[in-house]
Amino acid sequence: LPRDDEAQRAGRAAALQTALVEATRVPATVAERAEAVLTLAEAAAGVTYHNALGDVATAALLAEAAMRAAAVQAELNLAGIADDGFTAPMAAELAPRAAGAPERVEAILTTVRRRAAEGV
């Protein structure tokens, strides 16, 4: 984008802010959807047929990785966004989502391992 005069610089800055907000929404949505997969894995861990327990464990681990990676990407983008009306709620949404993932995955893996050992 051109930046020869003040109007162009202002337009460029506004366009970059808009693009950065949109670039933050994408990984935030990925984190949200990965959390939904993790929730499904939590439910499946206790009821899935034993031959599919490995699939449940894999889903949980991959969902955690996707959630945490997406949350970090969104967090890094937030640092460049000037709109506190966007950054504060987005940061508040992302932080607990990623922070709670490891414990949730460990609980799933514990259930999967227990059920596999019991043969159910």
Protein backbone atom coordinates (compact mmCIF):
# COMPACT_ATOMS: atom_id res chain seq x y z
CA LEU A 1 0.00 0.00 0.00
CA PRO A 2 1.30 3.46 -0.84
CA ARG A 3 2.54 5.71 1.94
CA ASP A 4 3.69 8.85 0.20
CA ASP A 5 1.54 11.30 2.15
CA GLU A 6 -0.26 11.42 5.48
CA ALA A 7 -3.60 10.28 4.04
CA GLN A 8 -1.96 7.26 2.41
CA ARG A 9 -0.09 6.43 5.60
CA ALA A 10 -3.32 6.63 7.60
CA GLY A 11 -5.11 4.46 5.05
CA ARG A 12 -2.27 1.97 5.11
CA ALA A 13 -2.28 1.80 8.91
CA ALA A 14 -6.05 1.29 8.97
CA ALA A 15 -5.85 -1.43 6.31
CA LEU A 16 -3.09 -3.21 8.22
CA GLN A 17 -5.10 -3.08 11.45
CA THR A 18 -8.14 -4.53 9.67
CA ALA A 19 -6.03 -7.28 8.13
CA LEU A 20 -4.43 -8.08 11.47
CA VAL A 21 -7.82 -8.36 13.16
CA GLU A 22 -8.99 -10.78 10.47
CA ALA A 23 -5.69 -12.68 10.68
CA THR A 24 -6.33 -13.09 14.41
CA ARG A 25 -9.89 -14.33 13.99
CA VAL A 26 -8.76 -17.28 11.86
CA PRO A 27 -6.51 -18.96 14.45
CA ALA A 28 -8.99 -18.03 17.19
CA THR A 29 -11.63 -19.98 15.28
CA VAL A 30 -9.22 -22.89 14.85
CA ALA A 31 -8.61 -22.88 18.61
CA GLU A 32 -12.35 -22.85 19.25
CA ARG A 33 -12.96 -25.78 16.90
CA ALA A 34 -10.03 -27.72 18.31
CA GLU A 35 -11.53 -27.25 21.75
CA ALA A 36 -14.76 -28.76 20.42
CA VAL A 37 -12.78 -31.80 19.22
CA LEU A 38 -11.22 -32.07 22.66
CA THR A 39 -14.69 -32.01 24.23
CA LEU A 40 -15.78 -34.81 21.89
CA ALA A 41 -12.68 -36.81 22.82
CA GLU A 42 -13.54 -36.39 26.51
CA ALA A 43 -16.99 -37.82 25.88
CA ALA A 44 -15.69 -40.60 23.64
CA ALA A 45 -12.95 -41.73 26.02
CA GLY A 46 -15.46 -43.24 28.41
CA VAL A 47 -17.72 -44.95 25.88
CA THR A 48 -15.72 -45.79 22.76
CA TYR A 49 -15.19 -49.41 21.82
CA HIS A 50 -11.73 -50.47 23.00
CA ASN A 51 -10.39 -50.90 19.45
CA ALA A 52 -10.91 -47.17 18.86
CA LEU A 53 -9.30 -45.92 22.08
CA GLY A 54 -6.07 -45.10 20.24
CA ASP A 55 -8.06 -42.92 17.86
CA VAL A 56 -9.56 -41.05 20.81
CA ALA A 57 -6.10 -40.50 22.31
CA THR A 58 -4.75 -39.30 18.97
CA ALA A 59 -7.69 -36.93 18.49
CA ALA A 60 -7.11 -35.46 21.94
CA LEU A 61 -3.39 -34.94 21.40
CA LEU A 62 -3.84 -33.40 17.96
CA ALA A 63 -6.66 -31.17 19.18
CA GLU A 64 -4.46 -29.94 22.01
CA ALA A 65 -1.61 -29.18 19.62
CA ALA A 66 -3.92 -27.37 17.20
CA MET A 67 -5.57 -25.41 20.00
CA ARG A 68 -2.34 -24.31 21.61
CA ALA A 69 -0.61 -23.46 18.32
CA ALA A 70 -3.59 -21.46 17.09
CA ALA A 71 -3.89 -19.65 20.41
CA VAL A 72 -0.21 -18.67 20.29
CA GLN A 73 -0.58 -17.38 16.73
CA ALA A 74 -3.62 -15.32 17.68
CA GLU A 75 -1.84 -14.05 20.79
CA LEU A 76 1.13 -12.90 18.71
CA ASN A 77 -1.21 -11.10 16.32
CA LEU A 78 -2.95 -9.36 19.22
CA ALA A 79 0.30 -7.61 20.11
CA GLY A 80 0.07 -5.59 16.90
CA ILE A 81 -3.59 -4.59 17.18
CA ALA A 82 -4.36 -1.16 18.61
CA ASP A 83 -8.08 -1.75 19.28
CA ASP A 84 -8.42 -2.69 22.97
CA GLY A 85 -12.10 -3.35 22.34
CA PHE A 86 -10.98 -6.30 20.22
CA THR A 87 -7.77 -7.39 21.93
CA ALA A 88 -8.99 -7.58 25.53
CA PRO A 89 -11.97 -9.88 24.93
CA MET A 90 -10.02 -11.99 22.43
CA ALA A 91 -7.14 -12.46 24.89
CA ALA A 92 -9.62 -13.31 27.64
CA GLU A 93 -11.17 -15.94 25.39
CA LEU A 94 -7.89 -17.51 24.27
CA ALA A 95 -5.98 -17.71 27.55
CA PRO A 96 -8.13 -20.19 29.48
CA ARG A 97 -8.80 -22.28 26.39
CA ALA A 98 -5.14 -23.04 25.78
CA ALA A 99 -4.17 -23.14 29.45
CA GLY A 100 -6.63 -25.89 30.36
CA ALA A 101 -5.82 -28.15 27.42
CA PRO A 102 -2.93 -30.18 28.91
CA GLU A 103 -4.92 -31.24 31.97
CA ARG A 104 -7.90 -32.19 29.84
CA VAL A 105 -5.72 -34.29 27.54
CA GLU A 106 -4.05 -36.02 30.47
CA ALA A 107 -7.48 -36.91 31.86
CA ILE A 108 -8.48 -38.36 28.49
CA LEU A 109 -5.25 -40.36 28.25
CA THR A 110 -5.74 -41.67 31.78
CA THR A 111 -9.24 -42.85 30.89
CA VAL A 112 -8.06 -44.38 27.61
CA ARG A 113 -5.20 -46.24 29.31
CA ARG A 114 -7.42 -47.47 32.14
CA ARG A 115 -10.08 -48.71 29.74
CA ALA A 116 -7.45 -50.36 27.51
CA ALA A 117 -5.94 -52.14 30.52
CA GLU A 118 -9.39 -53.33 31.57
CA GLY A 119 -10.12 -54.52 28.04
CA VAL A 120 -13.34 -52.52 27.75
